[in-house]
Amino acid sequence: MLTRVPFVKSIGMAPTEVRMIFTGDWDQLAAIQNAASGARTKAALIDPGIFFIEYAGDTQTQAALATEALAKIPGVKKVFNSGGKAYIFGAVNAVDPRKFAPTLKDAGFKFVALRSHRLRTLSYEPWDKTVNPVQIQNRLLKVPGVLRADVDAAASTVTVLLMRDTAKDLELVGAAEDVSITLFPGKAEEEDEAPKTEGMTPTQDKK
């Protein structure tokens, strides 16, 4: 399927990852994810990743202000915005999705939902003092479907970014036990079904 996507070449396959060269525009990257979906494969771009969010605000002036704010988040490479909806591009390991809501709030908007991924925040309790955040992060990243794991040792929480319809909470709990911590149910920031991105209509000029 990927060989049929325009602007894709030099495809390299690994058991859980595909590397390729893409020479198209930013808004055409969605075709890669849609090709994987068409082949009934659960996949998500990671470098660059595509984050799709919704927020409250629908005028063109407001959209421009939201775009400007989101573009300043560290790691963000490009933002396409159409009042109330925004596509944010950037490597998954460089863009912290926890920053979307506070960034929009500071700019005067209300964050509604992250539609492209599942974002789970869970509290944890270490079994002893030898457990460190790096151990927790590395183990959770090995769970199929987990794209990013951020550990806040001070708050004893873990925020996990997942591909939709992949890892469940019980799988995360089991992985956590491997590094001697107990994970507790937390907040599901967004559980609704994510729309396909093939209908994306950028409103900014391509640069």
C-alpha atoms as a PDB file:
ATOM      1  CA  MET A   1       0.000   0.000   0.000  1.00  0.00           C
ATOM      2  CA  LEU A   2       2.771   2.456   0.853  1.00  0.00           C
ATOM      3  CA  THR A   3       4.389   1.981  -2.556  1.00  0.00           C
ATOM      4  CA  ARG A   4       1.212   3.419  -4.078  1.00  0.00           C
ATOM      5  CA  VAL A   5       1.361   6.639  -2.036  1.00  0.00           C
ATOM      6  CA  PRO A   6       2.628   9.577  -4.132  1.00  0.00           C
ATOM      7  CA  PHE A   7       5.979  11.044  -3.034  1.00  0.00           C
ATOM      8  CA  VAL A   8       6.951   7.975  -0.963  1.00  0.00           C
ATOM      9  CA  LYS A   9      10.204   6.200  -1.831  1.00  0.00           C
ATOM     10  CA  SER A  10      13.110   4.281  -0.290  1.00  0.00           C
ATOM     11  CA  ILE A  11      10.895   2.191   1.966  1.00  0.00           C
ATOM     12  CA  GLY A  12      12.683   0.155   4.646  1.00  0.00           C
ATOM     13  CA  MET A  13      10.756  -2.448   6.633  1.00  0.00           C
ATOM     14  CA  ALA A  14      11.309  -3.586  10.235  1.00  0.00           C
ATOM     15  CA  PRO A  15       9.062  -5.766  12.443  1.00  0.00           C
ATOM     16  CA  THR A  16       7.227  -2.810  14.003  1.00  0.00           C
ATOM     17  CA  GLU A  17       8.467   0.192  12.018  1.00  0.00           C
ATOM     18  CA  VAL A  18       8.674   1.443   8.453  1.00  0.00           C
ATOM     19  CA  ARG A  19      11.167   4.092   7.391  1.00  0.00           C
ATOM     20  CA  MET A  20      10.739   6.001   4.163  1.00  0.00           C
ATOM     21  CA  ILE A  21      11.579   9.191   2.330  1.00  0.00           C
ATOM     22  CA  PHE A  22       8.609  11.468   1.670  1.00  0.00           C
ATOM     23  CA  THR A  23       8.965  14.402  -0.728  1.00  0.00           C
ATOM     24  CA  GLY A  24       5.404  15.760  -0.665  1.00  0.00           C
ATOM     25  CA  ASP A  25       3.905  18.699   1.211  1.00  0.00           C
ATOM     26  CA  TRP A  26       3.032  18.671   4.900  1.00  0.00           C
ATOM     27  CA  ASP A  27      -0.685  18.245   4.334  1.00  0.00           C
ATOM     28  CA  GLN A  28      -0.077  15.232   2.083  1.00  0.00           C
ATOM     29  CA  LEU A  29       1.548  13.232   4.888  1.00  0.00           C
ATOM     30  CA  ALA A  30      -1.895  12.053   5.979  1.00  0.00           C
ATOM     31  CA  ALA A  31      -1.950   9.775   2.925  1.00  0.00           C
ATOM     32  CA  ILE A  32       0.689   7.593   4.601  1.00  0.00           C
ATOM     33  CA  GLN A  33      -1.442   6.923   7.664  1.00  0.00           C
ATOM     34  CA  ASN A  34      -4.517   6.374   5.538  1.00  0.00           C
ATOM     35  CA  ALA A  35      -2.623   3.838   3.407  1.00  0.00           C
ATOM     36  CA  ALA A  36      -1.767   1.851   6.521  1.00  0.00           C
ATOM     37  CA  SER A  37      -5.382   1.993   7.621  1.00  0.00           C
ATOM     38  CA  GLY A  38      -6.471   0.783   4.177  1.00  0.00           C
ATOM     39  CA  ALA A  39      -4.250  -2.254   4.661  1.00  0.00           C
ATOM     40  CA  ARG A  40      -5.957  -2.910   8.008  1.00  0.00           C
ATOM     41  CA  THR A  41      -2.788  -2.052   9.884  1.00  0.00           C
ATOM     42  CA  LYS A  42      -2.738   0.040  13.038  1.00  0.00           C
ATOM     43  CA  ALA A  43      -0.084   2.668  12.485  1.00  0.00           C
ATOM     44  CA  ALA A  44       0.808   6.252  13.293  1.00  0.00           C
ATOM     45  CA  LEU A  45       3.446   8.600  11.987  1.00  0.00           C
ATOM     46  CA  ILE A  46       6.103   9.430  14.555  1.00  0.00           C
ATOM     47  CA  ASP A  47       8.620  11.624  12.702  1.00  0.00           C
ATOM     48  CA  PRO A  48       6.918  13.794  11.874  1.00  0.00           C
ATOM     49  CA  GLY A  49       3.802  12.849  13.763  1.00  0.00           C
ATOM     50  CA  ILE A  50       0.369  14.326  13.043  1.00  0.00           C
ATOM     51  CA  PHE A  51      -1.667  15.553  16.007  1.00  0.00           C
ATOM     52  CA  PHE A  52      -5.293  16.496  15.317  1.00  0.00           C
ATOM     53  CA  ILE A  53      -7.020  18.585  17.982  1.00  0.00           C
ATOM     54  CA  GLU A  54     -10.289  20.456  18.430  1.00  0.00           C
ATOM     55  CA  TYR A  55     -10.749  23.651  20.425  1.00  0.00           C
ATOM     56  CA  ALA A  56     -13.445  26.241  21.023  1.00  0.00           C
ATOM     57  CA  GLY A  57     -13.232  29.150  18.589  1.00  0.00           C
ATOM     58  CA  ASP A  58     -14.312  29.388  14.969  1.00  0.00           C
ATOM     59  CA  THR A  59     -13.506  32.724  13.350  1.00  0.00           C
ATOM     60  CA  GLN A  60     -10.567  33.212  11.021  1.00  0.00           C
ATOM     61  CA  THR A  61      -9.054  35.794  13.384  1.00  0.00           C
ATOM     62  CA  GLN A  62      -9.259  33.341  16.261  1.00  0.00           C
ATOM     63  CA  ALA A  63      -7.808  30.589  14.089  1.00  0.00           C
ATOM     64  CA  ALA A  64      -4.790  32.735  13.314  1.00  0.00           C
ATOM     65  CA  LEU A  65      -4.220  33.422  17.017  1.00  0.00           C
ATOM     66  CA  ALA A  66      -4.522  29.724  17.871  1.00  0.00           C
ATOM     67  CA  THR A  67      -2.124  28.804  15.061  1.00  0.00           C
ATOM     68  CA  GLU A  68       0.441  31.285  16.326  1.00  0.00           C
ATOM     69  CA  ALA A  69       0.191  29.923  19.863  1.00  0.00           C
ATOM     70  CA  LEU A  70       0.410  26.259  18.851  1.00  0.00           C
ATOM     71  CA  ALA A  71       3.349  26.922  16.525  1.00  0.00           C
ATOM     72  CA  LYS A  72       5.397  28.104  19.527  1.00  0.00           C
ATOM     73  CA  ILE A  73       5.183  24.751  21.318  1.00  0.00           C
ATOM     74  CA  PRO A  74       8.667  23.181  21.342  1.00  0.00           C
ATOM     75  CA  GLY A  75       9.101  20.619  18.580  1.00  0.00           C
ATOM     76  CA  VAL A  76       6.195  21.821  16.431  1.00  0.00           C
ATOM     77  CA  LYS A  77       7.225  22.158  12.771  1.00  0.00           C
ATOM     78  CA  LYS A  78       3.955  23.125  11.099  1.00  0.00           C
ATOM     79  CA  VAL A  79       0.349  23.951  11.987  1.00  0.00           C
ATOM     80  CA  PHE A  80      -2.660  23.862   9.678  1.00  0.00           C
ATOM     81  CA  ASN A  81      -5.740  25.410  11.235  1.00  0.00           C
ATOM     82  CA  SER A  82      -9.371  25.812  10.262  1.00  0.00           C
ATOM     83  CA  GLY A  83     -11.327  27.527  13.042  1.00  0.00           C
ATOM     84  CA  GLY A  84     -11.840  25.073  15.843  1.00  0.00           C
ATOM     85  CA  LYS A  85      -9.663  22.315  14.354  1.00  0.00           C
ATOM     86  CA  ALA A  86      -5.907  22.142  14.045  1.00  0.00           C
ATOM     87  CA  TYR A  87      -3.377  19.713  12.588  1.00  0.00           C
ATOM     88  CA  ILE A  88      -0.025  19.943  14.325  1.00  0.00           C
ATOM     89  CA  PHE A  89       3.093  18.377  12.812  1.00  0.00           C
ATOM     90  CA  GLY A  90       6.233  17.429  14.705  1.00  0.00           C
ATOM     91  CA  ALA A  91       8.207  14.408  15.881  1.00  0.00           C
ATOM     92  CA  VAL A  92       6.352  12.533  18.605  1.00  0.00           C
ATOM     93  CA  ASN A  93       9.424  12.458  20.838  1.00  0.00           C
ATOM     94  CA  ALA A  94       9.793  16.250  20.490  1.00  0.00           C
ATOM     95  CA  VAL A  95       6.195  17.501  20.847  1.00  0.00           C
ATOM     96  CA  ASP A  96       4.633  17.100  24.290  1.00  0.00           C
ATOM     97  CA  PRO A  97       0.854  16.710  23.776  1.00  0.00           C
ATOM     98  CA  ARG A  98       0.262  17.790  27.370  1.00  0.00           C
ATOM     99  CA  LYS A  99       1.105  21.316  26.244  1.00  0.00           C
ATOM    100  CA  PHE A 100      -1.815  21.651  23.806  1.00  0.00           C
ATOM    101  CA  ALA A 101      -4.475  22.435  26.406  1.00  0.00           C
ATOM    102  CA  PRO A 102      -2.517  24.965  28.525  1.00  0.00           C
ATOM    103  CA  THR A 103      -1.115  26.663  25.411  1.00  0.00           C
ATOM    104  CA  LEU A 104      -4.591  27.226  23.996  1.00  0.00           C
ATOM    105  CA  LYS A 105      -5.906  28.321  27.387  1.00  0.00           C
ATOM    106  CA  ASP A 106      -3.158  30.936  27.702  1.00  0.00           C
ATOM    107  CA  ALA A 107      -4.129  32.208  24.232  1.00  0.00           C
ATOM    108  CA  GLY A 108      -7.783  32.517  25.262  1.00  0.00           C
ATOM    109  CA  PHE A 109      -9.188  29.270  23.857  1.00  0.00           C
ATOM    110  CA  LYS A 110     -10.742  26.144  25.335  1.00  0.00           C
ATOM    111  CA  PHE A 111      -9.123  22.833  24.441  1.00  0.00           C
ATOM    112  CA  VAL A 112     -11.823  20.317  23.469  1.00  0.00           C
ATOM    113  CA  ALA A 113     -10.067  17.073  22.532  1.00  0.00           C
ATOM    114  CA  LEU A 114      -7.061  15.320  21.043  1.00  0.00           C
ATOM    115  CA  ARG A 115      -8.662  13.287  18.255  1.00  0.00           C
ATOM    116  CA  SER A 116      -5.650  11.659  16.603  1.00  0.00           C
ATOM    117  CA  HIS A 117      -4.372   9.648  19.577  1.00  0.00           C
ATOM    118  CA  ARG A 118      -5.342   8.393  23.021  1.00  0.00           C
ATOM    119  CA  LEU A 119      -3.725  10.252  25.897  1.00  0.00           C
ATOM    120  CA  ARG A 120      -3.808   8.489  29.251  1.00  0.00           C
ATOM    121  CA  THR A 121      -2.677   9.956  32.539  1.00  0.00           C
ATOM    122  CA  LEU A 122      -2.248   7.445  35.357  1.00  0.00           C
ATOM    123  CA  SER A 123      -0.908   7.756  38.859  1.00  0.00           C
ATOM    124  CA  TYR A 124       1.647   5.253  40.100  1.00  0.00           C
ATOM    125  CA  GLU A 125       3.160   3.978  43.309  1.00  0.00           C
ATOM    126  CA  PRO A 126       6.697   2.536  43.384  1.00  0.00           C
ATOM    127  CA  TRP A 127       7.248  -0.654  45.320  1.00  0.00           C
ATOM    128  CA  ASP A 128      10.592   0.606  46.601  1.00  0.00           C
ATOM    129  CA  LYS A 129      12.935   3.585  46.335  1.00  0.00           C
ATOM    130  CA  THR A 130      15.142   2.022  43.656  1.00  0.00           C
ATOM    131  CA  VAL A 131      12.635   2.674  40.857  1.00  0.00           C
ATOM    132  CA  ASN A 132      13.528   5.633  38.638  1.00  0.00           C
ATOM    133  CA  PRO A 133      11.569   7.494  35.924  1.00  0.00           C
ATOM    134  CA  VAL A 134      13.809   6.281  33.101  1.00  0.00           C
ATOM    135  CA  GLN A 135      13.073   2.645  33.942  1.00  0.00           C
ATOM    136  CA  ILE A 136       9.341   3.338  33.908  1.00  0.00           C
ATOM    137  CA  GLN A 137       9.497   5.264  30.634  1.00  0.00           C
ATOM    138  CA  ASN A 138      11.619   2.664  28.835  1.00  0.00           C
ATOM    139  CA  ARG A 139       9.343  -0.217  29.862  1.00  0.00           C
ATOM    140  CA  LEU A 140       6.130   1.530  28.843  1.00  0.00           C
ATOM    141  CA  LEU A 141       7.611   2.431  25.455  1.00  0.00           C
ATOM    142  CA  LYS A 142       7.963  -1.290  24.761  1.00  0.00           C
ATOM    143  CA  VAL A 143       4.191  -1.809  24.979  1.00  0.00           C
ATOM    144  CA  PRO A 144       2.801  -2.134  21.418  1.00  0.00           C
ATOM    145  CA  GLY A 145       0.896   1.020  20.535  1.00  0.00           C
ATOM    146  CA  VAL A 146       2.692   3.313  22.984  1.00  0.00           C
ATOM    147  CA  LEU A 147       4.323   6.214  21.152  1.00  0.00           C
ATOM    148  CA  ARG A 148       5.449   8.372  24.049  1.00  0.00           C
ATOM    149  CA  ALA A 149       5.638   8.097  27.845  1.00  0.00           C
ATOM    150  CA  ASP A 150       6.230  11.055  30.178  1.00  0.00           C
ATOM    151  CA  VAL A 151       6.921  10.387  33.848  1.00  0.00           C
ATOM    152  CA  ASP A 152       6.355  13.076  36.488  1.00  0.00           C
ATOM    153  CA  ALA A 153       8.147  11.698  39.531  1.00  0.00           C
ATOM    154  CA  ALA A 154       7.129  14.636  41.720  1.00  0.00           C
ATOM    155  CA  ALA A 155       3.425  14.072  41.026  1.00  0.00           C
ATOM    156  CA  SER A 156       3.800  10.277  40.728  1.00  0.00           C
ATOM    157  CA  THR A 157       2.001  10.245  37.386  1.00  0.00           C
ATOM    158  CA  VAL A 158       2.648   8.781  33.964  1.00  0.00           C
ATOM    159  CA  THR A 159       1.160  10.261  30.780  1.00  0.00           C
ATOM    160  CA  VAL A 160       1.108   7.858  27.852  1.00  0.00           C
ATOM    161  CA  LEU A 161       0.422   8.727  24.209  1.00  0.00           C
ATOM    162  CA  LEU A 162      -0.997   5.751  22.307  1.00  0.00           C
ATOM    163  CA  MET A 163      -2.139   4.833  18.847  1.00  0.00           C
ATOM    164  CA  ARG A 164      -5.893   4.422  18.960  1.00  0.00           C
ATOM    165  CA  ASP A 165      -7.365   0.982  19.491  1.00  0.00           C
ATOM    166  CA  THR A 166      -4.061  -0.491  20.633  1.00  0.00           C
ATOM    167  CA  ALA A 167      -2.755  -0.879  24.206  1.00  0.00           C
ATOM    168  CA  LYS A 168      -5.341  -1.143  26.966  1.00  0.00           C
ATOM    169  CA  ASP A 169      -4.926  -0.052  30.570  1.00  0.00           C
ATOM    170  CA  LEU A 170      -4.379  -3.637  31.750  1.00  0.00           C
ATOM    171  CA  GLU A 171      -1.414  -3.965  29.382  1.00  0.00           C
ATOM    172  CA  LEU A 172       0.073  -0.794  30.787  1.00  0.00           C
ATOM    173  CA  VAL A 173      -0.495  -2.043  34.332  1.00  0.00           C
ATOM    174  CA  GLY A 174       1.234  -5.326  33.510  1.00  0.00           C
ATOM    175  CA  ALA A 175       4.220  -3.538  32.000  1.00  0.00           C
ATOM    176  CA  ALA A 176       4.466  -1.277  35.031  1.00  0.00           C
ATOM    177  CA  GLU A 177       4.705  -4.277  37.342  1.00  0.00           C
ATOM    178  CA  ASP A 178       7.818  -5.353  35.435  1.00  0.00           C
ATOM    179  CA  VAL A 179       9.591  -2.272  36.800  1.00  0.00           C
ATOM    180  CA  SER A 180       8.105  -2.579  40.295  1.00  0.00           C
ATOM    181  CA  ILE A 181       5.396   0.063  40.226  1.00  0.00           C
ATOM    182  CA  THR A 182       1.621  -0.092  40.472  1.00  0.00           C
ATOM    183  CA  LEU A 183      -0.385   1.998  37.995  1.00  0.00           C
ATOM    184  CA  PHE A 184      -3.803   3.274  38.992  1.00  0.00           C
ATOM    185  CA  PRO A 185      -6.697   4.359  36.747  1.00  0.00           C
ATOM    186  CA  GLY A 186      -6.346   7.953  35.718  1.00  0.00           C
ATOM    187  CA  LYS A 187      -7.917  10.371  33.295  1.00  0.00           C
ATOM    188  CA  ALA A 188      -8.795   9.422  29.726  1.00  0.00           C
ATOM    189  CA  GLU A 189      -8.335  12.727  27.943  1.00  0.00           C
ATOM    190  CA  GLU A 190     -10.022  11.495  24.779  1.00  0.00           C
ATOM    191  CA  GLU A 191     -11.758   8.216  24.041  1.00  0.00           C
ATOM    192  CA  ASP A 192     -13.899   9.060  20.988  1.00  0.00           C
ATOM    193  CA  GLU A 193     -13.225   7.516  17.608  1.00  0.00           C
ATOM    194  CA  ALA A 194     -10.713   9.515  15.616  1.00  0.00           C
ATOM    195  CA  PRO A 195     -11.712  10.686  12.130  1.00  0.00           C
ATOM    196  CA  LYS A 196      -9.554   9.864   9.124  1.00  0.00           C
ATOM    197  CA  THR A 197      -7.244  12.668   8.077  1.00  0.00           C
ATOM    198  CA  GLU A 198      -7.654  12.330   4.346  1.00  0.00           C
ATOM    199  CA  GLY A 199     -10.085  15.253   4.275  1.00  0.00           C
ATOM    200  CA  MET A 200      -7.642  17.705   5.797  1.00  0.00           C
ATOM    201  CA  THR A 201      -7.947  21.159   4.243  1.00  0.00           C
ATOM    202  CA  PRO A 202      -5.034  23.418   5.218  1.00  0.00           C
ATOM    203  CA  THR A 203      -5.821  27.106   5.450  1.00  0.00           C
ATOM    204  CA  GLN A 204      -2.251  28.388   5.614  1.00  0.00           C
ATOM    205  CA  ASP A 205       0.016  28.999   2.672  1.00  0.00           C
ATOM    206  CA  LYS A 206       2.581  26.269   2.116  1.00  0.00           C
ATOM    207  CA  LYS A 207       6.136  27.383   2.699  1.00  0.00           C
END
